[in-house]
Amino acid sequence: REITVTGVIVGDPETLVFSDGRTSISFPVKVEHLRHAAGEFAAPGFRMPVFMSAGLDNEKPRYGERWELRGQWKEFRKSGRPDTERDQLGRARWFCQADARNARCISAGHGIPWFGALYRWRERASRYLALGIEDKPVVVAISRALVLGYRGEIPVDLKQAFITSGTLHIFAISGLHVVVIAGFLVFILRAIGVSRIY
């Protein structure tokens, strides 16, 4: 079904890499209006995952921006294994496959400011992790997944190998991530002169 969605991005957009080399940007949108053949509907609070083609010259979506997106309204495919987890976990069964050529940013500044700052720092840290190893995309992808939780760039065949071996859980947010973030915060707080007492 053809739809037009207007809403605010409420998460950190993540790049996904598919086995055929295509890339997409994935992000959750808090839908404000939804238009399709049956008419226009106000849908306050309804969250919809969006997958938008990447690699075009248009701007990359960011947390807190209001976007108008045109594309297809699709249902997550049911497979023999629990992709029905989405239903059991109460996650969205529907998503928008948006066309980047028909997407536009309407305005910015609709999110929680410090969330936006954290997402920007995460993105900057992601670029730093790639310094010096840009020619090794798999190593960069694994580093970003382990340290920052960006799992979308891991090649599908490698991700399948982790699933098969039962080691995919190492990419879950863990104590390592908490320690990295805590260490970063301690460093910043010391740099600005905040005492350890606090």
Protein backbone atom coordinates (compact mmCIF):
# COMPACT_ATOMS: atom_id res chain seq x y z
CA ARG A 1 0.00 0.00 0.00
CA GLU A 2 1.25 3.45 -0.89
CA ILE A 3 1.45 5.75 2.14
CA THR A 4 2.74 9.13 3.20
CA VAL A 5 3.92 9.35 6.80
CA THR A 6 4.64 12.55 8.69
CA GLY A 7 6.35 12.16 12.04
CA VAL A 8 9.31 12.74 14.31
CA ILE A 9 12.37 10.46 14.41
CA VAL A 10 12.57 9.08 17.95
CA GLY A 11 15.71 6.94 17.74
CA ASP A 12 19.21 6.93 16.34
CA PRO A 13 19.11 6.20 12.57
CA GLU A 14 21.27 3.18 11.77
CA THR A 15 22.77 2.07 8.45
CA LEU A 16 21.91 -1.47 7.39
CA VAL A 17 23.98 -3.39 4.83
CA PHE A 18 22.35 -6.19 2.83
CA SER A 19 24.02 -9.23 1.27
CA ASP A 20 23.63 -7.81 -2.25
CA GLY A 21 25.51 -4.63 -1.26
CA ARG A 22 22.46 -2.38 -0.96
CA THR A 23 22.28 -0.11 2.07
CA SER A 24 19.31 1.26 3.91
CA ILE A 25 18.81 3.58 6.87
CA SER A 26 16.57 2.30 9.63
CA PHE A 27 14.90 4.49 12.25
CA PRO A 28 11.73 4.64 14.36
CA VAL A 29 9.22 7.41 13.70
CA LYS A 30 6.53 8.67 16.06
CA VAL A 31 3.75 9.09 13.49
CA GLU A 32 1.69 12.29 13.52
CA HIS A 33 -0.21 11.86 10.24
CA LEU A 34 -0.68 8.92 7.93
CA ARG A 35 -2.12 9.24 4.43
CA HIS A 36 -3.05 6.44 2.05
CA ALA A 37 -5.77 5.61 -0.47
CA ALA A 38 -8.47 5.48 2.23
CA GLY A 39 -7.71 9.03 3.40
CA GLU A 40 -5.68 10.88 6.00
CA PHE A 41 -5.51 9.88 9.63
CA ALA A 42 -4.06 11.52 12.72
CA ALA A 43 -2.05 8.86 14.53
CA PRO A 44 -0.48 10.52 17.58
CA GLY A 45 1.94 8.28 19.43
CA PHE A 46 1.91 5.42 16.92
CA ARG A 47 5.52 4.31 16.37
CA MET A 48 6.52 2.87 13.04
CA PRO A 49 9.88 1.47 11.95
CA VAL A 50 11.11 3.05 8.71
CA PHE A 51 13.60 1.61 6.24
CA MET A 52 14.79 4.22 3.74
CA SER A 53 17.11 3.58 0.81
CA ALA A 54 20.55 5.07 1.38
CA GLY A 55 23.34 6.19 -0.88
CA LEU A 56 21.48 9.04 -2.50
CA ASP A 57 22.54 12.68 -2.24
CA ASN A 58 19.73 13.66 0.11
CA GLU A 59 20.36 14.48 3.76
CA LYS A 60 20.61 11.75 6.36
CA PRO A 61 17.78 11.67 8.90
CA ARG A 62 18.66 12.58 12.50
CA TYR A 63 17.03 12.13 15.88
CA GLY A 64 14.42 14.79 16.68
CA GLU A 65 13.72 15.81 13.06
CA ARG A 66 10.21 15.87 11.61
CA TRP A 67 10.09 14.16 8.21
CA GLU A 68 7.56 13.53 5.50
CA LEU A 69 8.16 10.09 4.00
CA ARG A 70 6.50 8.47 1.00
CA GLY A 71 6.69 4.76 0.33
CA GLN A 72 5.10 1.38 0.92
CA TRP A 73 3.32 0.22 4.05
CA LYS A 74 4.42 -3.39 4.59
CA GLU A 75 4.05 -6.13 7.15
CA PHE A 76 7.10 -7.91 8.59
CA ARG A 77 7.37 -11.29 6.92
CA LYS A 78 6.43 -14.25 9.01
CA SER A 79 9.00 -17.02 8.87
CA GLY A 80 9.18 -20.47 10.41
CA ARG A 81 11.31 -19.09 13.20
CA PRO A 82 10.17 -16.39 15.58
CA ASP A 83 10.01 -13.28 13.46
CA THR A 84 6.66 -13.58 15.18
CA GLU A 85 8.79 -12.46 18.16
CA ARG A 86 7.79 -9.01 17.00
CA ASP A 87 4.20 -9.80 17.91
CA GLN A 88 5.12 -11.55 21.17
CA LEU A 89 7.31 -8.65 22.26
CA GLY A 90 4.68 -6.09 21.33
CA ARG A 91 6.80 -4.56 18.59
CA ALA A 92 5.45 -3.13 15.39
CA ARG A 93 4.13 -5.61 12.84
CA TRP A 94 4.07 -2.91 10.16
CA PHE A 95 6.82 -0.76 8.72
CA CYS A 96 7.32 1.89 6.06
CA GLN A 97 9.68 1.16 3.15
CA ALA A 98 10.39 4.79 2.25
CA ASP A 99 11.81 6.12 -1.00
CA ALA A 100 14.66 8.53 -0.20
CA ARG A 101 13.91 10.54 -3.36
CA ASN A 102 10.45 11.35 -1.99
CA ALA A 103 11.49 12.07 1.60
CA ARG A 104 12.07 15.50 3.06
CA CYS A 105 13.00 16.97 6.40
CA ILE A 106 10.34 19.45 7.51
CA SER A 107 11.94 20.74 10.70
CA ALA A 108 14.37 19.84 13.50
CA GLY A 109 14.58 20.19 17.27
CA HIS A 110 11.61 18.02 18.29
CA GLY A 111 13.50 15.56 20.48
CA ILE A 112 15.01 15.67 23.95
CA PRO A 113 18.14 17.85 23.54
CA TRP A 114 20.54 15.68 25.53
CA PHE A 115 19.36 12.55 23.64
CA GLY A 116 20.29 14.36 20.44
CA ALA A 117 23.70 15.23 21.90
CA LEU A 118 24.31 11.60 22.93
CA TYR A 119 23.38 10.35 19.46
CA ARG A 120 25.73 12.89 17.86
CA TRP A 121 28.57 11.79 20.20
CA ARG A 122 27.81 8.16 19.33
CA GLU A 123 28.02 8.99 15.63
CA ARG A 124 31.32 10.86 16.16
CA ALA A 125 32.72 7.92 18.15
CA SER A 126 31.66 5.66 15.29
CA ARG A 127 33.76 7.72 12.85
CA TYR A 128 36.75 7.66 15.24
CA LEU A 129 36.57 3.86 15.50
CA ALA A 130 37.10 3.64 11.73
CA LEU A 131 40.21 5.84 11.64
CA GLY A 132 43.13 3.99 10.12
CA ILE A 133 41.10 0.91 9.20
CA GLU A 134 38.70 2.40 6.65
CA ASP A 135 39.87 -0.18 4.08
CA LYS A 136 38.64 -3.03 6.34
CA PRO A 137 34.84 -2.58 6.47
CA VAL A 138 34.19 -5.86 8.29
CA VAL A 139 36.61 -4.94 11.10
CA VAL A 140 35.01 -1.48 11.32
CA ALA A 141 31.52 -3.03 11.45
CA ILE A 142 32.48 -5.47 14.22
CA SER A 143 34.20 -2.70 16.22
CA ARG A 144 31.15 -0.45 15.96
CA ALA A 145 28.84 -3.30 16.94
CA LEU A 146 30.90 -4.30 19.99
CA VAL A 147 31.58 -0.81 21.32
CA LEU A 148 28.57 1.24 20.21
CA GLY A 149 25.84 -1.30 19.45
CA TYR A 150 25.67 -0.51 15.69
CA ARG A 151 24.85 -4.00 14.40
CA GLY A 152 23.35 -3.10 11.01
CA GLU A 153 26.67 -2.82 9.19
CA ILE A 154 27.76 -6.39 9.94
CA PRO A 155 27.58 -8.33 6.64
CA VAL A 156 24.66 -10.76 6.50
CA ASP A 157 26.88 -13.83 5.98
CA LEU A 158 29.01 -12.93 9.01
CA LYS A 159 25.92 -12.26 11.11
CA GLN A 160 24.58 -15.67 10.06
CA ALA A 161 27.87 -17.26 11.15
CA PHE A 162 27.49 -15.66 14.60
CA ILE A 163 23.89 -16.92 14.80
CA THR A 164 24.92 -20.43 13.75
CA SER A 165 27.74 -20.54 16.28
CA GLY A 166 25.51 -19.19 19.06
CA THR A 167 27.74 -16.15 19.65
CA LEU A 168 25.49 -13.35 18.37
CA HIS A 169 24.83 -12.31 21.97
CA ILE A 170 28.30 -10.72 22.19
CA PHE A 171 26.85 -7.79 20.23
CA ALA A 172 24.16 -7.12 22.85
CA ILE A 173 24.54 -4.07 25.06
CA SER A 174 26.62 -5.34 27.92
CA GLY A 175 28.89 -4.37 30.76
CA LEU A 176 31.56 -3.45 28.22
CA HIS A 177 29.32 -0.74 26.80
CA VAL A 178 28.46 0.54 30.26
CA VAL A 179 32.15 0.69 31.20
CA VAL A 180 33.07 2.53 28.00
CA ILE A 181 30.32 5.10 28.53
CA ALA A 182 31.08 5.46 32.26
CA GLY A 183 34.79 5.92 31.52
CA PHE A 184 33.99 8.58 28.93
CA LEU A 185 31.72 10.42 31.37
CA VAL A 186 34.32 10.26 34.17
CA PHE A 187 36.92 11.66 31.76
CA ILE A 188 34.62 14.55 30.74
CA LEU A 189 33.62 15.32 34.33
CA ARG A 190 37.25 15.39 35.46
CA ALA A 191 38.17 17.63 32.51
CA ILE A 192 35.58 20.21 33.59
CA GLY A 193 36.64 20.00 37.23
CA VAL A 194 33.78 18.05 38.84
CA SER A 195 34.94 16.39 42.07
CA ARG A 196 34.80 12.59 42.52
CA ILE A 197 32.58 13.19 45.58
CA TYR A 198 29.64 13.84 43.23
